[in-house]
Amino acid sequence: MPSARFFTVIALTALLIIAASMACTDREDAVRARIRQGVDKIMIVDTHEHLGPENLRNEWVMSLFTHLHYALSDMWADGLNRRMADSIFNASGASLADKWNTIAPYWSNTRNTTYNKVLTEAFADLYGIDDVTEDTYEELSRRIQQANKPGWYHTVLREEAGIELAITDTGFEGVKMDRDQFRAVLRLDPFMLMWPGEEGFEWVERQWGVEINTLADWEYALEVAMDSMVAMGFVGVKSGMAYARTLTIKEYPREQAEEVFDRLRAAPGLSDRLSWREKRPLQDWMFDKIAKGCAKRDMAFQIHTGFFYDTGRDVTQANPTNLTPFIIRNPDTRFVLMHSGYPYGRDLLAMAKNLPNVVTDMCWIYIISPSFAAEFLDEAIETLPADKLLGFGGDYAIPEGSYGHAKLCRRIVSKVLADKVLDGYWSEAEALAYARKILRENPIKVFRLELE
């Protein structure tokens, strides 16, 4: 039979194990708290929003149904008829009840998605409505409209979200917005004649004051546009080409591009009737001109890669690896490949690790999938130089969404960085220095911003 001394030793050993475990837990909690506090103090430079001028927003009647944004995308994927829903949301006589009844079953089915949860959490924090239900949507809508006053952007973005500056993709209105809070990029996709119904040649002539008769005129108009962009204060060019066609850019001789141009210029309206494949020699030629124009002016070239906002599209055409040969042919252009390339994130990391002129941007990704975002960031820490990652872009048309997204971003970034500290990968100081780079310093550097 074991002696009393034996049981005493066993008891003491157990106490020591418990004490060590508690000490370990206390240390882990302390590390996580310090990392989170450090990350929360960083004033973010937000690389991508779709926020328009606040004075225009103030003229609109706001409600829950003007604030759904990405949550609607999940409802479309769940079967909500977009055209029908839009007609009800935009009908002057439609009541809030009509609108709620339109989305109610789809809202219920998408409560689990991050698009939904981030928005719900933002409403709780900013409007004091803990959940969006049949019993609360009217009061929430009333509070949203009540807050729709000058200064709401500053309150939500600067004071609540800790976003010092946001780069917005909202056309020419972007450079008219308060430069204390915003900078802007401009899309030059019209020079590629991609979108059915766009004004194309006539729009360029009217907007940039260049008469268009030949491909040389078209190229000159692009030069005028890009010089004007710099003078107007735009900080980069944005392309959404992936929504219309593949990101693979081929090399064509100028003669083929000119042949397509001449054909289109001679027949007004023909551009709408031709597929992108038929217009491809001209499109690829002009995309190359845009990239070279960015290099010439030291401007960042943002390119949408990966997932889409709306439904029914072929995500494979937006695989960032499609761009690789084109990027190699343009070594002087600073490419910002957006949205972590989701779901091709690992491919994008490999590109950025190999190609000196590629910067990866985590805009939008935290609300697409927090777990994917965490894995992407974890691997980016291990694979990329610290200045090749941009850590946050809200990608919302409403400040409430940007707030909720920034809050989620800080939570994920803090967790990943703290995990690395606890694993012995680096020190707390190194982790927080990295956080400051990706959330603030890198965007300032990449977009040549005049900030500290």
Protein backbone atom coordinates (compact mmCIF):
# COMPACT_ATOMS: atom_id res chain seq x y z
CA MET A 1 0.00 0.00 0.00
CA PRO A 2 1.42 3.44 -0.95
CA SER A 3 2.62 5.55 1.96
CA ALA A 4 1.20 8.88 3.05
CA ARG A 5 4.35 10.49 1.73
CA PHE A 6 3.58 9.10 -1.74
CA PHE A 7 0.15 10.74 -1.77
CA THR A 8 1.65 14.00 -0.53
CA VAL A 9 4.11 14.04 -3.43
CA ILE A 10 1.32 13.29 -5.87
CA ALA A 11 -0.80 16.12 -4.45
CA LEU A 12 2.07 18.63 -4.56
CA THR A 13 2.89 17.65 -8.14
CA ALA A 14 -0.71 18.17 -9.15
CA LEU A 15 -0.74 21.58 -7.48
CA LEU A 16 2.46 22.56 -9.28
CA ILE A 17 0.97 21.49 -12.63
CA ILE A 18 -2.19 23.49 -11.95
CA ALA A 19 -0.16 26.53 -10.89
CA ALA A 20 2.03 26.28 -13.99
CA SER A 21 -1.04 25.95 -16.18
CA MET A 22 -2.63 28.99 -14.56
CA ALA A 23 0.57 30.98 -14.99
CA CYS A 24 0.70 29.98 -18.65
CA THR A 25 -2.92 31.01 -19.14
CA ASP A 26 -2.30 34.30 -17.35
CA ARG A 27 0.70 34.99 -19.62
CA GLU A 28 -1.29 34.14 -22.73
CA ASP A 29 -4.14 36.41 -21.67
CA ALA A 30 -1.70 39.23 -20.93
CA VAL A 31 0.03 38.88 -24.30
CA ARG A 32 -3.26 38.85 -26.17
CA ALA A 33 -4.49 41.89 -24.26
CA ARG A 34 -1.35 43.89 -24.98
CA ILE A 35 -1.38 42.99 -28.66
CA ARG A 36 -5.06 43.89 -28.96
CA GLN A 37 -4.53 47.20 -27.18
CA GLY A 38 -1.64 48.01 -29.49
CA VAL A 39 -3.57 47.15 -32.64
CA ASP A 40 -6.60 49.12 -31.45
CA LYS A 41 -4.47 52.27 -31.12
CA ILE A 42 -3.37 52.23 -34.77
CA MET A 43 -5.12 54.83 -36.92
CA ILE A 44 -5.88 52.83 -40.04
CA VAL A 45 -5.26 53.98 -43.60
CA ASP A 46 -8.08 52.22 -45.44
CA THR A 47 -7.13 51.18 -48.98
CA HIS A 48 -10.55 50.66 -50.55
CA GLU A 49 -14.07 52.02 -50.02
CA HIS A 50 -17.05 52.89 -52.20
CA LEU A 51 -18.23 55.76 -50.04
CA GLY A 52 -19.66 58.72 -51.91
CA PRO A 53 -19.89 62.37 -50.84
CA GLU A 54 -21.60 62.78 -47.50
CA ASN A 55 -23.63 65.79 -48.63
CA LEU A 56 -25.31 63.62 -51.28
CA ARG A 57 -26.04 60.90 -48.74
CA ASN A 58 -27.63 63.51 -46.48
CA GLU A 59 -30.21 64.20 -49.21
CA TRP A 60 -31.42 60.59 -49.30
CA VAL A 61 -33.90 58.85 -47.03
CA MET A 62 -31.95 56.17 -45.20
CA SER A 63 -33.18 52.92 -43.66
CA LEU A 64 -32.13 49.36 -43.05
CA PHE A 65 -32.85 48.69 -46.72
CA THR A 66 -30.32 51.26 -47.96
CA HIS A 67 -27.72 49.67 -45.68
CA LEU A 68 -27.80 45.98 -46.61
CA HIS A 69 -24.96 46.12 -49.17
CA TYR A 70 -23.06 42.80 -49.02
CA ALA A 71 -25.78 41.16 -46.94
CA LEU A 72 -27.95 41.44 -50.05
CA SER A 73 -25.36 39.52 -52.04
CA ASP A 74 -25.81 36.50 -49.80
CA MET A 75 -29.57 36.82 -50.12
CA TRP A 76 -29.27 36.80 -53.92
CA ALA A 77 -27.16 33.66 -53.62
CA ASP A 78 -29.94 32.21 -51.47
CA GLY A 79 -32.50 32.80 -54.21
CA LEU A 80 -33.79 36.34 -53.67
CA ASN A 81 -34.76 37.77 -57.07
CA ARG A 82 -32.52 40.82 -57.39
CA ARG A 83 -34.59 42.63 -59.99
CA MET A 84 -37.78 42.14 -58.02
CA ALA A 85 -36.16 43.22 -54.74
CA ASP A 86 -34.59 46.31 -56.33
CA SER A 87 -37.94 47.33 -57.79
CA ILE A 88 -39.54 47.18 -54.34
CA PHE A 89 -36.64 48.94 -52.59
CA ASN A 90 -36.74 51.76 -55.18
CA ALA A 91 -40.52 52.12 -55.43
CA SER A 92 -41.62 55.46 -53.99
CA GLY A 93 -44.80 53.97 -52.55
CA ALA A 94 -43.24 50.88 -50.98
CA SER A 95 -43.47 50.78 -47.19
CA LEU A 96 -40.81 49.52 -44.82
CA ALA A 97 -43.10 46.54 -44.21
CA ASP A 98 -43.14 45.75 -47.95
CA LYS A 99 -39.36 45.81 -47.99
CA TRP A 100 -39.01 43.71 -44.86
CA ASN A 101 -41.41 41.07 -46.17
CA THR A 102 -39.31 40.89 -49.35
CA ILE A 103 -36.11 39.95 -47.53
CA ALA A 104 -37.37 38.33 -44.31
CA PRO A 105 -36.94 34.64 -45.24
CA TYR A 106 -33.56 35.31 -46.86
CA TRP A 107 -32.38 37.39 -43.94
CA SER A 108 -33.18 34.46 -41.68
CA ASN A 109 -31.23 32.05 -43.89
CA THR A 110 -28.13 34.25 -44.01
CA ARG A 111 -27.82 35.18 -40.34
CA ASN A 112 -24.80 32.86 -40.09
CA THR A 113 -22.73 34.61 -42.80
CA THR A 114 -20.13 37.23 -41.96
CA TYR A 115 -21.75 39.71 -44.35
CA ASN A 116 -24.83 39.56 -42.13
CA LYS A 117 -23.12 39.31 -38.74
CA VAL A 118 -20.76 42.26 -39.28
CA LEU A 119 -23.66 44.49 -40.28
CA THR A 120 -25.78 43.35 -37.33
CA GLU A 121 -22.92 44.02 -34.92
CA ALA A 122 -22.38 47.48 -36.39
CA PHE A 123 -26.06 48.31 -35.96
CA ALA A 124 -25.87 47.18 -32.34
CA ASP A 125 -22.82 49.33 -31.60
CA LEU A 126 -23.85 52.45 -33.50
CA TYR A 127 -27.63 52.45 -33.13
CA GLY A 128 -28.28 50.42 -29.99
CA ILE A 129 -30.41 47.81 -31.80
CA ASP A 130 -29.08 44.42 -30.73
CA ASP A 131 -30.70 42.36 -33.48
CA VAL A 132 -32.47 42.90 -36.79
CA THR A 133 -35.89 41.28 -36.63
CA GLU A 134 -39.50 41.89 -37.54
CA ASP A 135 -39.82 43.74 -34.23
CA THR A 136 -36.82 46.04 -34.68
CA TYR A 137 -36.37 46.92 -38.37
CA GLU A 138 -38.65 49.98 -38.21
CA GLU A 139 -36.92 51.49 -35.16
CA LEU A 140 -33.52 50.72 -36.63
CA SER A 141 -34.52 52.46 -39.86
CA ARG A 142 -35.69 55.49 -37.89
CA ARG A 143 -32.35 55.72 -36.05
CA ILE A 144 -30.38 55.32 -39.27
CA GLN A 145 -32.25 58.23 -40.83
CA GLN A 146 -31.92 60.30 -37.65
CA ALA A 147 -28.13 59.93 -37.81
CA ASN A 148 -28.00 60.90 -41.50
CA LYS A 149 -26.52 64.35 -40.90
CA PRO A 150 -23.27 66.15 -41.74
CA GLY A 151 -20.42 64.78 -39.64
CA TRP A 152 -21.65 61.18 -39.49
CA TYR A 153 -18.74 60.02 -41.65
CA HIS A 154 -16.27 61.56 -39.23
CA THR A 155 -18.06 60.10 -36.22
CA VAL A 156 -18.25 56.56 -37.59
CA LEU A 157 -14.99 56.33 -39.51
CA ARG A 158 -12.53 58.47 -37.53
CA GLU A 159 -13.91 58.38 -34.00
CA GLU A 160 -15.52 54.93 -33.81
CA ALA A 161 -13.58 52.86 -36.37
CA GLY A 162 -10.19 54.55 -35.98
CA ILE A 163 -9.85 55.06 -39.75
CA GLU A 164 -7.81 58.19 -40.34
CA LEU A 165 -8.01 58.15 -44.12
CA ALA A 166 -9.86 56.06 -46.70
CA ILE A 167 -9.17 55.64 -50.41
CA THR A 168 -12.50 55.64 -52.19
CA ASP A 169 -13.50 54.22 -55.57
CA THR A 170 -16.46 56.37 -56.49
CA GLY A 171 -15.56 58.05 -59.76
CA PHE A 172 -14.91 61.76 -60.14
CA GLU A 173 -16.84 62.52 -56.97
CA GLY A 174 -13.97 60.97 -55.01
CA VAL A 175 -11.60 63.91 -55.42
CA LYS A 176 -14.33 66.32 -54.32
CA MET A 177 -14.61 64.69 -50.91
CA ASP A 178 -12.98 66.00 -47.73
CA ARG A 179 -9.23 65.42 -48.17
CA ASP A 180 -8.86 65.27 -44.43
CA GLN A 181 -10.70 61.95 -44.61
CA PHE A 182 -10.47 60.69 -48.18
CA ARG A 183 -8.32 60.18 -51.25
CA ALA A 184 -9.58 58.62 -54.49
CA VAL A 185 -8.73 56.28 -57.34
CA LEU A 186 -10.29 56.42 -60.79
CA ARG A 187 -11.30 53.65 -63.16
CA LEU A 188 -10.02 53.93 -66.72
CA ASP A 189 -11.84 50.80 -67.90
CA PRO A 190 -13.90 52.86 -70.42
CA PHE A 191 -10.73 53.03 -72.53
CA MET A 192 -11.10 49.28 -72.97
CA LEU A 193 -14.73 49.54 -74.17
CA MET A 194 -15.81 46.70 -71.91
CA TRP A 195 -19.22 47.53 -70.57
CA PRO A 196 -22.36 47.32 -72.73
CA GLY A 197 -24.14 50.66 -72.93
CA GLU A 198 -21.19 52.79 -71.88
CA GLU A 199 -20.64 55.91 -73.95
CA GLY A 200 -17.11 54.94 -74.95
CA PHE A 201 -15.62 57.24 -77.58
CA GLU A 202 -18.14 60.03 -77.05
CA TRP A 203 -17.63 59.98 -73.29
CA VAL A 204 -13.86 60.23 -73.65
CA GLU A 205 -14.15 63.09 -76.13
CA ARG A 206 -16.49 64.99 -73.83
CA GLN A 207 -14.65 64.19 -70.59
CA TRP A 208 -11.07 64.75 -71.73
CA GLY A 209 -11.51 67.13 -74.67
CA VAL A 210 -9.75 64.99 -77.29
CA GLU A 211 -11.28 64.30 -80.70
CA ILE A 212 -11.13 60.57 -81.36
CA ASN A 213 -10.63 59.33 -84.90
CA THR A 214 -7.65 56.98 -84.76
CA LEU A 215 -5.99 54.62 -82.31
CA ALA A 216 -3.27 57.24 -81.90
CA ASP A 217 -5.99 59.68 -80.77
CA TRP A 218 -7.29 57.06 -78.34
CA GLU A 219 -3.82 56.54 -76.89
CA TYR A 220 -3.28 60.29 -76.63
CA ALA A 221 -6.62 60.70 -74.86
CA LEU A 222 -5.47 58.13 -72.28
CA GLU A 223 -2.31 60.15 -71.69
CA VAL A 224 -4.39 63.30 -71.23
CA ALA A 225 -6.69 61.48 -68.82
CA MET A 226 -3.84 60.16 -66.69
CA ASP A 227 -2.06 63.52 -66.54
CA SER A 228 -5.35 65.13 -65.55
CA MET A 229 -5.87 62.50 -62.85
CA VAL A 230 -2.56 63.42 -61.26
CA ALA A 231 -3.42 67.12 -61.38
CA MET A 232 -6.85 66.45 -59.86
CA GLY A 233 -5.35 64.53 -56.92
CA PHE A 234 -6.21 60.92 -57.69
CA VAL A 235 -3.73 58.53 -56.03
CA GLY A 236 -4.15 55.52 -58.29
CA VAL A 237 -5.98 53.73 -61.07
CA LYS A 238 -8.53 51.01 -60.33
CA SER A 239 -9.62 48.29 -62.74
CA GLY A 240 -12.69 46.10 -62.37
CA MET A 241 -11.94 44.27 -65.62
CA ALA A 242 -12.30 40.86 -63.95
CA TYR A 243 -16.07 41.41 -63.73
CA ALA A 244 -16.28 41.45 -67.53
CA ARG A 245 -13.62 39.03 -68.77
CA THR A 246 -10.52 37.02 -67.95
CA LEU A 247 -7.50 38.66 -66.36
CA THR A 248 -5.22 36.98 -68.89
CA ILE A 249 -3.66 39.77 -70.98
CA LYS A 250 -2.12 38.67 -74.25
CA GLU A 251 0.45 40.45 -76.40
CA TYR A 252 -0.97 41.68 -79.70
CA PRO A 253 0.75 43.66 -82.44
CA ARG A 254 -0.43 47.22 -82.72
CA GLU A 255 -1.93 46.48 -86.13
CA GLN A 256 -4.48 44.07 -84.60
CA ALA A 257 -5.49 46.57 -81.94
CA GLU A 258 -5.82 49.25 -84.62
CA GLU A 259 -7.97 46.98 -86.79
CA VAL A 260 -10.44 46.48 -83.92
CA PHE A 261 -10.40 50.19 -83.10
CA ASP A 262 -11.12 51.23 -86.71
CA ARG A 263 -13.97 48.76 -86.94
CA LEU A 264 -15.58 50.03 -83.73
CA ARG A 265 -15.08 53.71 -84.52
CA ALA A 266 -16.69 53.33 -87.93
CA ALA A 267 -19.85 51.71 -86.58
CA PRO A 268 -21.47 53.44 -83.57
CA GLY A 269 -23.05 50.90 -81.24
CA LEU A 270 -21.03 47.98 -82.59
CA SER A 271 -19.05 47.73 -79.36
CA ASP A 272 -22.18 46.64 -77.50
CA ARG A 273 -22.82 43.87 -80.00
CA LEU A 274 -19.34 42.38 -79.94
CA SER A 275 -18.06 40.03 -77.26
CA TRP A 276 -14.98 40.91 -75.26
CA ARG A 277 -13.14 38.18 -77.16
CA GLU A 278 -13.80 40.01 -80.43
CA LYS A 279 -12.57 43.26 -78.89
CA ARG A 280 -9.70 41.61 -77.05
CA PRO A 281 -6.74 42.85 -79.14
CA LEU A 282 -7.76 46.45 -78.43
CA GLN A 283 -8.64 45.77 -74.79
CA ASP A 284 -5.36 44.05 -74.03
CA TRP A 285 -3.42 46.75 -75.87
CA MET A 286 -5.05 49.52 -73.84
CA PHE A 287 -4.72 47.66 -70.54
CA ASP A 288 -1.00 47.52 -71.20
CA LYS A 289 -1.00 51.26 -71.93
CA ILE A 290 -2.76 51.92 -68.61
CA ALA A 291 -0.17 49.87 -66.73
CA LYS A 292 2.69 51.69 -68.41
CA GLY A 293 0.99 55.02 -67.75
CA CYS A 294 0.84 54.19 -64.04
CA ALA A 295 4.56 53.40 -64.04
CA LYS A 296 5.35 56.65 -65.83
CA ARG A 297 3.46 58.64 -63.18
CA ASP A 298 4.45 56.55 -60.16
CA MET A 299 0.80 55.67 -59.49
CA ALA A 300 -0.50 52.43 -57.97
CA PHE A 301 -2.56 50.19 -60.26
CA GLN A 302 -5.32 48.48 -58.25
CA ILE A 303 -6.80 45.40 -59.93
CA HIS A 304 -9.80 43.46 -58.71
CA THR A 305 -8.94 39.77 -58.31
CA GLY A 306 -10.95 36.86 -56.99
CA PHE A 307 -14.51 36.87 -55.73
CA PHE A 308 -17.38 39.07 -56.99
CA TYR A 309 -20.00 41.23 -55.29
CA ASP A 310 -22.89 39.92 -57.35
CA THR A 311 -23.84 36.39 -58.33
CA GLY A 312 -23.77 34.21 -61.43
CA ARG A 313 -20.18 34.99 -62.47
CA ASP A 314 -17.22 32.78 -63.33
CA VAL A 315 -14.69 33.31 -60.52
CA THR A 316 -11.98 31.47 -62.43
CA GLN A 317 -11.63 34.43 -64.80
CA ALA A 318 -10.53 36.51 -61.80
CA ASN A 319 -7.73 34.19 -60.68
CA PRO A 320 -4.78 36.54 -60.06
CA THR A 321 -2.30 34.07 -61.55
CA ASN A 322 -3.81 34.92 -64.94
CA LEU A 323 -2.01 38.26 -64.64
CA THR A 324 1.46 36.82 -64.04
CA PRO A 325 2.93 37.05 -67.58
CA PHE A 326 1.52 40.57 -67.96
CA ILE A 327 3.02 41.68 -64.63
CA ILE A 328 6.39 40.26 -65.64
CA ARG A 329 6.20 42.28 -68.87
CA ASN A 330 5.59 45.46 -66.83
CA PRO A 331 8.27 45.39 -64.12
CA ASP A 332 8.07 49.15 -63.46
CA THR A 333 4.36 49.18 -62.62
CA ARG A 334 3.27 48.95 -58.97
CA PHE A 335 0.42 46.42 -59.01
CA VAL A 336 -1.97 46.22 -56.07
CA LEU A 337 -3.86 42.93 -56.36
CA MET A 338 -7.01 43.15 -54.33
CA HIS A 339 -9.21 41.05 -52.04
CA SER A 340 -6.48 38.52 -51.20
CA GLY A 341 -7.37 36.90 -54.51
CA TYR A 342 -10.05 34.87 -52.72
CA PRO A 343 -10.32 31.92 -53.14
CA TYR A 344 -6.87 31.91 -54.79
CA GLY A 345 -5.06 33.39 -51.81
CA ARG A 346 -2.13 31.00 -51.69
CA ASP A 347 -1.53 31.55 -55.41
CA LEU A 348 -1.48 35.29 -54.82
CA LEU A 349 0.99 34.94 -51.97
CA ALA A 350 3.27 32.94 -54.26
CA MET A 351 3.03 35.70 -56.88
CA ALA A 352 3.84 38.43 -54.36
CA LYS A 353 6.74 36.44 -52.95
CA ASN A 354 8.19 36.05 -56.45
CA LEU A 355 7.30 39.32 -58.19
CA PRO A 356 8.91 42.51 -56.81
CA ASN A 357 6.22 44.80 -58.23
CA VAL A 358 3.21 43.03 -56.68
CA VAL A 359 1.55 44.19 -53.47
CA THR A 360 -1.30 42.18 -51.96
CA ASP A 361 -4.35 43.90 -50.49
CA MET A 362 -6.64 42.35 -47.86
CA CYS A 363 -9.50 44.73 -48.61
CA TRP A 364 -12.94 43.07 -48.35
CA ILE A 365 -11.53 39.70 -47.26
CA TYR A 366 -12.35 39.71 -43.54
CA ILE A 367 -16.10 39.84 -44.22
CA ILE A 368 -15.89 37.26 -47.00
CA SER A 369 -14.33 34.74 -44.61
CA PRO A 370 -12.65 35.58 -41.31
CA SER A 371 -10.97 32.17 -41.15
CA PHE A 372 -9.56 32.54 -44.67
CA ALA A 373 -8.35 36.04 -43.78
CA ALA A 374 -6.58 34.71 -40.68
CA GLU A 375 -4.89 31.93 -42.65
CA PHE A 376 -3.89 34.34 -45.41
CA LEU A 377 -2.37 36.79 -42.91
CA ASP A 378 -0.59 33.99 -41.06
CA GLU A 379 1.02 32.76 -44.28
CA ALA A 380 1.76 36.30 -45.46
CA ILE A 381 3.77 36.90 -42.27
CA GLU A 382 5.85 33.82 -43.04
CA THR A 383 6.28 34.41 -46.77
CA LEU A 384 6.22 38.10 -47.73
CA PRO A 385 8.44 41.07 -46.92
CA ALA A 386 6.54 43.21 -44.44
CA ASP A 387 5.95 46.07 -46.88
CA LYS A 388 4.15 43.90 -49.46
CA LEU A 389 0.83 43.58 -47.64
CA LEU A 390 -1.96 46.11 -47.22
CA GLY A 391 -4.00 45.11 -44.20
CA PHE A 392 -7.43 46.69 -44.51
CA GLY A 393 -9.97 48.08 -46.91
CA GLY A 394 -13.61 48.18 -45.86
CA ASP A 395 -15.03 48.02 -49.41
CA TYR A 396 -18.42 49.40 -48.33
CA ALA A 397 -20.76 52.06 -49.66
CA ILE A 398 -21.95 52.80 -46.11
CA PRO A 399 -19.75 53.94 -43.20
CA GLU A 400 -21.50 51.57 -40.81
CA GLY A 401 -20.23 48.64 -42.85
CA SER A 402 -16.71 50.05 -42.84
CA TYR A 403 -16.90 50.38 -39.06
CA GLY A 404 -18.01 46.77 -38.58
CA HIS A 405 -15.38 45.52 -41.00
CA ALA A 406 -12.58 47.48 -39.30
CA LYS A 407 -13.62 46.10 -35.93
CA LEU A 408 -13.48 42.53 -37.28
CA CYS A 409 -10.12 43.23 -38.96
CA ARG A 410 -8.55 44.41 -35.70
CA ARG A 411 -9.84 41.31 -33.92
CA ILE A 412 -8.38 38.93 -36.52
CA VAL A 413 -5.07 40.76 -36.89
CA SER A 414 -4.62 40.83 -33.10
CA LYS A 415 -5.31 37.11 -32.78
CA VAL A 416 -2.93 36.09 -35.58
CA LEU A 417 -0.13 38.33 -34.29
CA ALA A 418 -0.58 37.13 -30.71
CA ASP A 419 -0.54 33.49 -31.84
CA LYS A 420 2.82 34.15 -33.48
CA VAL A 421 4.17 35.71 -30.29
CA LEU A 422 2.97 32.81 -28.15
CA ASP A 423 4.49 30.33 -30.62
CA GLY A 424 7.84 32.06 -30.26
CA TYR A 425 7.89 33.30 -33.86
CA TRP A 426 8.63 36.90 -32.86
CA SER A 427 8.42 39.37 -29.99
CA GLU A 428 5.47 41.55 -29.04
CA ALA A 429 7.35 44.59 -30.31
CA GLU A 430 7.92 42.93 -33.68
CA ALA A 431 4.27 41.92 -33.91
CA LEU A 432 3.02 45.45 -33.24
CA ALA A 433 5.53 46.97 -35.65
CA TYR A 434 4.17 44.62 -38.32
CA ALA A 435 0.59 45.63 -37.50
CA ARG A 436 1.47 49.28 -37.90
CA LYS A 437 3.07 48.55 -41.27
CA ILE A 438 0.13 46.69 -42.81
CA LEU A 439 -2.61 48.88 -41.35
CA ARG A 440 -0.99 52.28 -41.86
CA GLU A 441 2.57 52.64 -43.13
CA ASN A 442 2.34 50.41 -46.20
CA PRO A 443 -0.75 52.16 -47.66
CA ILE A 444 0.97 55.52 -47.15
CA LYS A 445 3.99 54.23 -49.04
CA VAL A 446 2.15 52.40 -51.83
CA PHE A 447 -0.24 55.26 -52.63
CA ARG A 448 2.30 58.02 -52.00
CA LEU A 449 0.11 59.72 -49.41
CA GLU A 450 1.12 62.86 -47.55
CA LEU A 451 0.65 61.47 -44.07
CA GLU A 452 2.96 60.76 -41.16
